[in-house]
Amino acid sequence: MREWSGKTLSWNVVEGTLELDLHRAPCNEIGTALLDELERFVAALEALRDPCHAMIVHSSLPSGFCAGADLRELYAGLQEVPSPEERVAGVRFFLQRIHAVLNAIDLWPHPTLAAVHGVCFGGGLELALACDLIVAERMARFCFPELRLGLVPGFGGIPRLKRDLGNAVVRDLLLTGRSLNAVRAHGVGLVAQLVGEGAALRAARSTARQIAKFDATTVAAAKRFVKPLPREELQREIDLFCELLQRPTVEEALRKFVTSTEVQPYLP
């Protein structure tokens, strides 16, 4: 299916580039609704291999690329399940589903680009890291705020960040919870292209046209060589997330987040 539109996302093929547009207000929080439609998207990827030479993931919302996991949905789900074992099992199943989605994007043979503006936090950063290249506008910000909740990133962020960058950057993002602006992110190699406001999608499309000049089989072989999937570490991340989730401090931190009157209580 070359074109499809849902409640949280849509996609179409433009000049051989598969464009995935996220549009779940307020900022593409990844919960059940968005995950359901992401699974529909990756189910279509195999059929889109031949007519496409690249993929761009972007957001049409002014608030940003993606604010991360839907923590309000997570907290509500925990309150509905009294058994600790059932709670962990439900969260583990969700994590396995989102890992399968991001792995499918990561392993798609054609180059993938994340066109980022505004907020790119938590699960949003993990989605961007599943792509091969990040094109970011100057006011974009990147962050792993999960430690503020007593958790670690759960969508595969740390293994992918370790694959792509040095440990100094990984530890700074993870252990401090501080955000990086796009200029700093470009300086440390997280962002491949730094562009002006409103230009990320246009720049990503230009890069996709450049990619189309080369033989697709050669590009796919090069991508496999330089971008192996860290499968064992990804599984260990799920295990660690589920282990930390069982602590009472995590539920209390989630409660504070849900009841906060701040606009973005997760901001460092």
C-alpha atoms as a PDB file:
ATOM      1  CA  MET A   1       0.000   0.000   0.000  1.00  0.00           C
ATOM      2  CA  ARG A   2       1.750   3.168  -1.238  1.00  0.00           C
ATOM      3  CA  GLU A   3      -0.525   5.536   0.682  1.00  0.00           C
ATOM      4  CA  TRP A   4      -2.474   5.279   3.937  1.00  0.00           C
ATOM      5  CA  SER A   5      -3.877   7.701   6.524  1.00  0.00           C
ATOM      6  CA  GLY A   6      -4.855   6.920  10.121  1.00  0.00           C
ATOM      7  CA  LYS A   7      -5.648   8.756  13.337  1.00  0.00           C
ATOM      8  CA  THR A   8      -2.046   9.048  14.547  1.00  0.00           C
ATOM      9  CA  LEU A   9       0.072   8.761  11.401  1.00  0.00           C
ATOM     10  CA  SER A  10      -0.019   8.550   7.642  1.00  0.00           C
ATOM     11  CA  TRP A  11       2.368   7.559   4.897  1.00  0.00           C
ATOM     12  CA  ASN A  12       2.817   7.947   1.174  1.00  0.00           C
ATOM     13  CA  VAL A  13       5.494   7.501  -1.484  1.00  0.00           C
ATOM     14  CA  VAL A  14       6.856  10.735  -2.952  1.00  0.00           C
ATOM     15  CA  GLU A  15       9.320  10.408  -5.848  1.00  0.00           C
ATOM     16  CA  GLY A  16      10.517   7.039  -4.567  1.00  0.00           C
ATOM     17  CA  THR A  17      10.805   8.154  -0.944  1.00  0.00           C
ATOM     18  CA  LEU A  18       8.510   6.629   1.668  1.00  0.00           C
ATOM     19  CA  GLU A  19       7.391   9.450   3.989  1.00  0.00           C
ATOM     20  CA  LEU A  20       5.939   8.599   7.404  1.00  0.00           C
ATOM     21  CA  ASP A  21       4.108  11.552   8.969  1.00  0.00           C
ATOM     22  CA  LEU A  22       3.357  11.416  12.707  1.00  0.00           C
ATOM     23  CA  HIS A  23       0.376  13.528  13.764  1.00  0.00           C
ATOM     24  CA  ARG A  24      -0.955  12.397  17.125  1.00  0.00           C
ATOM     25  CA  ALA A  25      -1.525  15.492  19.299  1.00  0.00           C
ATOM     26  CA  PRO A  26      -0.166  16.908  21.474  1.00  0.00           C
ATOM     27  CA  CYS A  27       3.327  15.648  20.539  1.00  0.00           C
ATOM     28  CA  ASN A  28       3.142  12.114  19.123  1.00  0.00           C
ATOM     29  CA  GLU A  29       3.290  10.356  22.494  1.00  0.00           C
ATOM     30  CA  ILE A  30       3.790   6.654  21.830  1.00  0.00           C
ATOM     31  CA  GLY A  31       0.923   4.724  23.376  1.00  0.00           C
ATOM     32  CA  THR A  32      -1.361   1.957  22.189  1.00  0.00           C
ATOM     33  CA  ALA A  33      -3.022   4.004  19.438  1.00  0.00           C
ATOM     34  CA  LEU A  34       0.227   5.125  17.813  1.00  0.00           C
ATOM     35  CA  LEU A  35       1.831   1.713  18.276  1.00  0.00           C
ATOM     36  CA  ASP A  36      -1.103  -0.002  16.562  1.00  0.00           C
ATOM     37  CA  GLU A  37      -0.660   2.176  13.503  1.00  0.00           C
ATOM     38  CA  LEU A  38       3.144   1.893  13.561  1.00  0.00           C
ATOM     39  CA  GLU A  39       2.686  -1.877  13.398  1.00  0.00           C
ATOM     40  CA  ARG A  40       0.458  -1.401  10.366  1.00  0.00           C
ATOM     41  CA  PHE A  41       3.194   0.726   8.808  1.00  0.00           C
ATOM     42  CA  VAL A  42       5.992  -1.804   9.295  1.00  0.00           C
ATOM     43  CA  ALA A  43       3.726  -4.572   7.975  1.00  0.00           C
ATOM     44  CA  ALA A  44       3.661  -2.617   4.701  1.00  0.00           C
ATOM     45  CA  LEU A  45       7.437  -2.118   4.500  1.00  0.00           C
ATOM     46  CA  GLU A  46       8.263  -5.317   2.639  1.00  0.00           C
ATOM     47  CA  ALA A  47       5.881  -4.442  -0.200  1.00  0.00           C
ATOM     48  CA  LEU A  48       7.401  -0.942  -0.359  1.00  0.00           C
ATOM     49  CA  ARG A  49      11.009  -2.084  -0.809  1.00  0.00           C
ATOM     50  CA  ASP A  50      11.017  -2.110  -4.609  1.00  0.00           C
ATOM     51  CA  PRO A  51       9.166   1.151  -5.335  1.00  0.00           C
ATOM     52  CA  CYS A  52      11.247   3.079  -2.761  1.00  0.00           C
ATOM     53  CA  HIS A  53      14.891   4.006  -2.268  1.00  0.00           C
ATOM     54  CA  ALA A  54      14.647   5.859   1.089  1.00  0.00           C
ATOM     55  CA  MET A  55      12.373   6.573   4.053  1.00  0.00           C
ATOM     56  CA  ILE A  56      11.747   9.814   5.953  1.00  0.00           C
ATOM     57  CA  VAL A  57      10.078   9.894   9.382  1.00  0.00           C
ATOM     58  CA  HIS A  58       8.780  13.315  10.397  1.00  0.00           C
ATOM     59  CA  SER A  59       6.055  15.084  12.372  1.00  0.00           C
ATOM     60  CA  SER A  60       3.502  17.536  11.023  1.00  0.00           C
ATOM     61  CA  LEU A  61       2.732  18.828  14.527  1.00  0.00           C
ATOM     62  CA  PRO A  62       4.204  22.211  15.532  1.00  0.00           C
ATOM     63  CA  SER A  63       5.082  20.888  19.019  1.00  0.00           C
ATOM     64  CA  GLY A  64       7.871  18.686  17.754  1.00  0.00           C
ATOM     65  CA  PHE A  65       8.967  15.291  16.528  1.00  0.00           C
ATOM     66  CA  CYS A  66       7.903  13.128  19.486  1.00  0.00           C
ATOM     67  CA  ALA A  67       7.755  13.663  23.259  1.00  0.00           C
ATOM     68  CA  GLY A  68       8.273   9.954  23.996  1.00  0.00           C
ATOM     69  CA  ALA A  69       6.142   7.268  25.573  1.00  0.00           C
ATOM     70  CA  ASP A  70       2.570   8.006  26.631  1.00  0.00           C
ATOM     71  CA  LEU A  71       3.265   8.062  30.363  1.00  0.00           C
ATOM     72  CA  ARG A  72      -0.315   8.894  31.262  1.00  0.00           C
ATOM     73  CA  GLU A  73      -1.497   5.756  29.512  1.00  0.00           C
ATOM     74  CA  LEU A  74       1.255   3.754  31.234  1.00  0.00           C
ATOM     75  CA  TYR A  75       0.242   5.027  34.669  1.00  0.00           C
ATOM     76  CA  ALA A  76      -3.468   4.397  34.038  1.00  0.00           C
ATOM     77  CA  GLY A  77      -2.685   0.889  32.862  1.00  0.00           C
ATOM     78  CA  LEU A  78      -0.702   0.147  36.009  1.00  0.00           C
ATOM     79  CA  GLN A  79      -3.618   1.306  38.163  1.00  0.00           C
ATOM     80  CA  GLU A  80      -6.007  -1.053  36.389  1.00  0.00           C
ATOM     81  CA  VAL A  81      -3.919  -4.161  37.073  1.00  0.00           C
ATOM     82  CA  PRO A  82      -3.511  -5.088  40.765  1.00  0.00           C
ATOM     83  CA  SER A  83      -1.104  -7.994  40.279  1.00  0.00           C
ATOM     84  CA  PRO A  84       2.604  -6.994  40.025  1.00  0.00           C
ATOM     85  CA  GLU A  85       3.242  -9.994  37.788  1.00  0.00           C
ATOM     86  CA  GLU A  86       0.445  -8.998  35.400  1.00  0.00           C
ATOM     87  CA  ARG A  87       1.669  -5.402  35.371  1.00  0.00           C
ATOM     88  CA  VAL A  88       5.161  -6.428  34.329  1.00  0.00           C
ATOM     89  CA  ALA A  89       3.845  -8.896  31.769  1.00  0.00           C
ATOM     90  CA  GLY A  90       1.691  -6.205  30.152  1.00  0.00           C
ATOM     91  CA  VAL A  91       4.526  -3.686  29.989  1.00  0.00           C
ATOM     92  CA  ARG A  92       6.947  -6.314  28.681  1.00  0.00           C
ATOM     93  CA  PHE A  93       4.510  -7.182  25.892  1.00  0.00           C
ATOM     94  CA  PHE A  94       4.201  -3.498  24.940  1.00  0.00           C
ATOM     95  CA  LEU A  95       7.993  -3.122  24.923  1.00  0.00           C
ATOM     96  CA  GLN A  96       8.409  -6.204  22.752  1.00  0.00           C
ATOM     97  CA  ARG A  97       5.912  -4.755  20.278  1.00  0.00           C
ATOM     98  CA  ILE A  98       7.637  -1.369  20.039  1.00  0.00           C
ATOM     99  CA  HIS A  99      11.041  -3.054  19.770  1.00  0.00           C
ATOM    100  CA  ALA A 100       9.740  -5.108  16.850  1.00  0.00           C
ATOM    101  CA  VAL A 101       8.573  -1.903  15.134  1.00  0.00           C
ATOM    102  CA  LEU A 102      11.829  -0.022  15.663  1.00  0.00           C
ATOM    103  CA  ASN A 103      13.902  -3.058  14.655  1.00  0.00           C
ATOM    104  CA  ALA A 104      11.943  -3.269  11.402  1.00  0.00           C
ATOM    105  CA  ILE A 105      12.712   0.400  10.673  1.00  0.00           C
ATOM    106  CA  ASP A 106      16.338  -0.105  11.722  1.00  0.00           C
ATOM    107  CA  LEU A 107      16.759  -3.115   9.431  1.00  0.00           C
ATOM    108  CA  TRP A 108      14.884  -1.783   6.388  1.00  0.00           C
ATOM    109  CA  PRO A 109      17.444  -2.108   3.590  1.00  0.00           C
ATOM    110  CA  HIS A 110      17.072   1.428   2.246  1.00  0.00           C
ATOM    111  CA  PRO A 111      18.441   4.478   4.100  1.00  0.00           C
ATOM    112  CA  THR A 112      16.095   6.022   6.651  1.00  0.00           C
ATOM    113  CA  LEU A 113      16.076   9.639   7.812  1.00  0.00           C
ATOM    114  CA  ALA A 114      14.449  11.307  10.810  1.00  0.00           C
ATOM    115  CA  ALA A 115      13.508  14.926  10.060  1.00  0.00           C
ATOM    116  CA  VAL A 116      13.376  16.459  13.531  1.00  0.00           C
ATOM    117  CA  HIS A 117      12.050  19.729  14.901  1.00  0.00           C
ATOM    118  CA  GLY A 118      11.134  20.761  18.433  1.00  0.00           C
ATOM    119  CA  VAL A 119      10.943  18.068  21.098  1.00  0.00           C
ATOM    120  CA  CYS A 120      12.693  14.745  20.509  1.00  0.00           C
ATOM    121  CA  PHE A 121      12.617  13.131  23.950  1.00  0.00           C
ATOM    122  CA  GLY A 122      12.662   9.609  25.347  1.00  0.00           C
ATOM    123  CA  GLY A 123      10.834   7.271  22.993  1.00  0.00           C
ATOM    124  CA  GLY A 124      10.951   9.954  20.319  1.00  0.00           C
ATOM    125  CA  LEU A 125      14.733   9.982  20.439  1.00  0.00           C
ATOM    126  CA  GLU A 126      14.662   6.183  20.354  1.00  0.00           C
ATOM    127  CA  LEU A 127      12.572   6.324  17.175  1.00  0.00           C
ATOM    128  CA  ALA A 128      15.014   8.796  15.624  1.00  0.00           C
ATOM    129  CA  LEU A 129      17.947   6.558  16.593  1.00  0.00           C
ATOM    130  CA  ALA A 130      16.357   3.656  14.704  1.00  0.00           C
ATOM    131  CA  CYS A 131      16.830   5.757  11.563  1.00  0.00           C
ATOM    132  CA  ASP A 132      20.160   5.990   9.766  1.00  0.00           C
ATOM    133  CA  LEU A 133      20.442   9.782   9.690  1.00  0.00           C
ATOM    134  CA  ILE A 134      18.950  12.568  11.805  1.00  0.00           C
ATOM    135  CA  VAL A 135      18.300  15.889  10.096  1.00  0.00           C
ATOM    136  CA  ALA A 136      17.476  18.460  12.771  1.00  0.00           C
ATOM    137  CA  GLU A 137      16.375  22.064  12.903  1.00  0.00           C
ATOM    138  CA  ARG A 138      18.412  24.379  15.133  1.00  0.00           C
ATOM    139  CA  MET A 139      15.771  24.666  17.854  1.00  0.00           C
ATOM    140  CA  ALA A 140      15.306  20.897  18.207  1.00  0.00           C
ATOM    141  CA  ARG A 141      16.171  19.332  21.570  1.00  0.00           C
ATOM    142  CA  PHE A 142      17.161  15.765  22.422  1.00  0.00           C
ATOM    143  CA  CYS A 143      16.852  14.114  25.814  1.00  0.00           C
ATOM    144  CA  PHE A 144      16.483  10.870  27.769  1.00  0.00           C
ATOM    145  CA  PRO A 145      14.503  12.031  30.847  1.00  0.00           C
ATOM    146  CA  GLU A 146      13.632   8.515  32.046  1.00  0.00           C
ATOM    147  CA  LEU A 147      15.900   8.574  35.114  1.00  0.00           C
ATOM    148  CA  ARG A 148      13.614  11.253  36.576  1.00  0.00           C
ATOM    149  CA  LEU A 149      10.984   8.514  36.741  1.00  0.00           C
ATOM    150  CA  GLY A 150      13.354   5.898  38.150  1.00  0.00           C
ATOM    151  CA  LEU A 151      13.549   4.126  34.795  1.00  0.00           C
ATOM    152  CA  VAL A 152      15.898   3.679  31.862  1.00  0.00           C
ATOM    153  CA  PRO A 153      14.909   4.154  28.215  1.00  0.00           C
ATOM    154  CA  GLY A 154      12.884   1.111  27.194  1.00  0.00           C
ATOM    155  CA  PHE A 155      12.462   1.364  23.424  1.00  0.00           C
ATOM    156  CA  GLY A 156      16.056   0.441  22.528  1.00  0.00           C
ATOM    157  CA  GLY A 157      17.660   3.850  22.922  1.00  0.00           C
ATOM    158  CA  ILE A 158      20.808   3.041  24.859  1.00  0.00           C
ATOM    159  CA  PRO A 159      21.999   0.087  22.715  1.00  0.00           C
ATOM    160  CA  ARG A 160      21.416   2.140  19.572  1.00  0.00           C
ATOM    161  CA  LEU A 161      23.104   5.230  21.005  1.00  0.00           C
ATOM    162  CA  LYS A 162      26.103   3.119  22.086  1.00  0.00           C
ATOM    163  CA  ARG A 163      26.269   1.696  18.574  1.00  0.00           C
ATOM    164  CA  ASP A 164      26.381   5.154  17.028  1.00  0.00           C
ATOM    165  CA  LEU A 165      28.283   7.371  19.497  1.00  0.00           C
ATOM    166  CA  GLY A 166      30.998   7.335  22.127  1.00  0.00           C
ATOM    167  CA  ASN A 167      30.325   6.411  25.741  1.00  0.00           C
ATOM    168  CA  ALA A 168      30.819   9.987  26.940  1.00  0.00           C
ATOM    169  CA  VAL A 169      27.710  11.107  25.055  1.00  0.00           C
ATOM    170  CA  VAL A 170      25.730   8.028  26.075  1.00  0.00           C
ATOM    171  CA  ARG A 171      26.488   8.482  29.761  1.00  0.00           C
ATOM    172  CA  ASP A 172      25.875  12.220  29.695  1.00  0.00           C
ATOM    173  CA  LEU A 173      22.414  11.826  28.164  1.00  0.00           C
ATOM    174  CA  LEU A 174      21.457   8.835  30.292  1.00  0.00           C
ATOM    175  CA  LEU A 175      22.888   9.693  33.708  1.00  0.00           C
ATOM    176  CA  THR A 176      22.173  13.438  33.836  1.00  0.00           C
ATOM    177  CA  GLY A 177      18.835  13.563  32.018  1.00  0.00           C
ATOM    178  CA  ARG A 178      19.960  16.846  30.476  1.00  0.00           C
ATOM    179  CA  SER A 179      18.817  17.803  27.010  1.00  0.00           C
ATOM    180  CA  LEU A 180      21.086  18.561  24.081  1.00  0.00           C
ATOM    181  CA  ASN A 181      20.225  21.365  21.708  1.00  0.00           C
ATOM    182  CA  ALA A 182      20.576  20.588  18.025  1.00  0.00           C
ATOM    183  CA  VAL A 183      23.875  22.461  17.671  1.00  0.00           C
ATOM    184  CA  ARG A 184      25.455  20.403  20.454  1.00  0.00           C
ATOM    185  CA  ALA A 185      23.864  17.217  19.106  1.00  0.00           C
ATOM    186  CA  HIS A 186      25.389  17.950  15.717  1.00  0.00           C
ATOM    187  CA  GLY A 187      28.761  18.602  17.300  1.00  0.00           C
ATOM    188  CA  VAL A 188      28.868  15.184  19.012  1.00  0.00           C
ATOM    189  CA  GLY A 189      27.645  13.322  15.943  1.00  0.00           C
ATOM    190  CA  LEU A 190      24.073  12.560  16.967  1.00  0.00           C
ATOM    191  CA  VAL A 191      22.687  14.828  14.250  1.00  0.00           C
ATOM    192  CA  ALA A 192      23.972  14.334  10.705  1.00  0.00           C
ATOM    193  CA  GLN A 193      22.633  17.576   9.230  1.00  0.00           C
ATOM    194  CA  LEU A 194      21.818  20.815  11.037  1.00  0.00           C
ATOM    195  CA  VAL A 195      19.351  23.073   9.216  1.00  0.00           C
ATOM    196  CA  GLY A 196      17.315  26.203   9.812  1.00  0.00           C
ATOM    197  CA  GLU A 197      13.829  26.369  11.264  1.00  0.00           C
ATOM    198  CA  GLY A 198      11.210  24.799   9.044  1.00  0.00           C
ATOM    199  CA  ALA A 199      13.811  23.176   6.780  1.00  0.00           C
ATOM    200  CA  ALA A 200      14.234  19.638   8.181  1.00  0.00           C
ATOM    201  CA  LEU A 201      11.782  17.878   5.877  1.00  0.00           C
ATOM    202  CA  ARG A 202      13.005  19.759   2.825  1.00  0.00           C
ATOM    203  CA  ALA A 203      16.630  18.885   3.645  1.00  0.00           C
ATOM    204  CA  ALA A 204      15.736  15.240   4.263  1.00  0.00           C
ATOM    205  CA  ARG A 205      14.009  15.078   0.875  1.00  0.00           C
ATOM    206  CA  SER A 206      17.106  16.537  -0.771  1.00  0.00           C
ATOM    207  CA  THR A 207      19.269  13.890   0.903  1.00  0.00           C
ATOM    208  CA  ALA A 208      16.859  11.169  -0.243  1.00  0.00           C
ATOM    209  CA  ARG A 209      17.245  12.373  -3.838  1.00  0.00           C
ATOM    210  CA  GLN A 210      21.025  12.163  -3.450  1.00  0.00           C
ATOM    211  CA  ILE A 211      20.715   8.585  -2.176  1.00  0.00           C
ATOM    212  CA  ALA A 212      18.611   7.661  -5.225  1.00  0.00           C
ATOM    213  CA  LYS A 213      21.644   8.250  -7.476  1.00  0.00           C
ATOM    214  CA  PHE A 214      23.331   5.081  -6.201  1.00  0.00           C
ATOM    215  CA  ASP A 215      22.684   1.400  -6.774  1.00  0.00           C
ATOM    216  CA  ALA A 216      20.158   0.207  -4.172  1.00  0.00           C
ATOM    217  CA  THR A 217      21.823  -3.192  -3.675  1.00  0.00           C
ATOM    218  CA  THR A 218      25.173  -1.565  -2.938  1.00  0.00           C
ATOM    219  CA  VAL A 219      23.597   0.935  -0.545  1.00  0.00           C
ATOM    220  CA  ALA A 220      21.794  -1.872   1.313  1.00  0.00           C
ATOM    221  CA  ALA A 221      25.030  -3.871   1.624  1.00  0.00           C
ATOM    222  CA  ALA A 222      26.876  -0.825   2.969  1.00  0.00           C
ATOM    223  CA  LYS A 223      24.093  -0.156   5.484  1.00  0.00           C
ATOM    224  CA  ARG A 224      24.198  -3.732   6.804  1.00  0.00           C
ATOM    225  CA  PHE A 225      27.971  -3.455   7.216  1.00  0.00           C
ATOM    226  CA  VAL A 226      28.032  -0.187   9.166  1.00  0.00           C
ATOM    227  CA  LYS A 227      24.830  -0.627  11.178  1.00  0.00           C
ATOM    228  CA  PRO A 228      24.518  -4.017  12.913  1.00  0.00           C
ATOM    229  CA  LEU A 229      21.503  -4.525  15.173  1.00  0.00           C
ATOM    230  CA  PRO A 230      22.539  -4.955  18.867  1.00  0.00           C
ATOM    231  CA  ARG A 231      19.980  -7.699  19.549  1.00  0.00           C
ATOM    232  CA  GLU A 232      21.347  -9.000  22.869  1.00  0.00           C
ATOM    233  CA  GLU A 233      21.634  -5.537  24.410  1.00  0.00           C
ATOM    234  CA  LEU A 234      18.144  -4.630  23.227  1.00  0.00           C
ATOM    235  CA  GLN A 235      16.725  -7.645  25.045  1.00  0.00           C
ATOM    236  CA  ARG A 236      18.700  -6.839  28.199  1.00  0.00           C
ATOM    237  CA  GLU A 237      17.267  -3.318  28.112  1.00  0.00           C
ATOM    238  CA  ILE A 238      13.718  -4.711  28.189  1.00  0.00           C
ATOM    239  CA  ASP A 239      14.640  -6.904  31.161  1.00  0.00           C
ATOM    240  CA  LEU A 240      16.173  -3.975  33.064  1.00  0.00           C
ATOM    241  CA  PHE A 241      13.203  -1.704  32.371  1.00  0.00           C
ATOM    242  CA  CYS A 242      10.780  -4.339  33.683  1.00  0.00           C
ATOM    243  CA  GLU A 243      12.943  -4.909  36.747  1.00  0.00           C
ATOM    244  CA  LEU A 244      13.029  -1.191  37.623  1.00  0.00           C
ATOM    245  CA  LEU A 245       9.322  -0.762  36.919  1.00  0.00           C
ATOM    246  CA  GLN A 246       8.421  -2.913  39.926  1.00  0.00           C
ATOM    247  CA  ARG A 247       9.791  -0.429  42.467  1.00  0.00           C
ATOM    248  CA  PRO A 248       7.224   1.763  44.293  1.00  0.00           C
ATOM    249  CA  THR A 249       9.290   4.882  43.574  1.00  0.00           C
ATOM    250  CA  VAL A 250       8.563   4.503  39.867  1.00  0.00           C
ATOM    251  CA  GLU A 251       4.802   4.440  40.331  1.00  0.00           C
ATOM    252  CA  GLU A 252       5.024   7.500  42.596  1.00  0.00           C
ATOM    253  CA  ALA A 253       7.130   9.358  40.018  1.00  0.00           C
ATOM    254  CA  LEU A 254       4.597   8.505  37.315  1.00  0.00           C
ATOM    255  CA  ARG A 255       1.788   9.733  39.576  1.00  0.00           C
ATOM    256  CA  LYS A 256       3.564  13.062  40.059  1.00  0.00           C
ATOM    257  CA  PHE A 257       4.033  13.376  36.311  1.00  0.00           C
ATOM    258  CA  VAL A 258       0.386  12.653  35.574  1.00  0.00           C
ATOM    259  CA  THR A 259      -0.891  15.095  38.200  1.00  0.00           C
ATOM    260  CA  SER A 260       1.612  17.860  37.409  1.00  0.00           C
ATOM    261  CA  THR A 261       0.224  21.176  36.197  1.00  0.00           C
ATOM    262  CA  GLU A 262       3.464  22.042  34.386  1.00  0.00           C
ATOM    263  CA  VAL A 263       3.333  22.128  30.610  1.00  0.00           C
ATOM    264  CA  GLN A 264       6.207  19.657  30.285  1.00  0.00           C
ATOM    265  CA  PRO A 265       6.996  18.199  33.711  1.00  0.00           C
ATOM    266  CA  TYR A 266       9.563  15.824  32.211  1.00  0.00           C
ATOM    267  CA  LEU A 267      11.810  18.638  30.995  1.00  0.00           C
ATOM    268  CA  PRO A 268      15.246  18.725  32.644  1.00  0.00           C
END
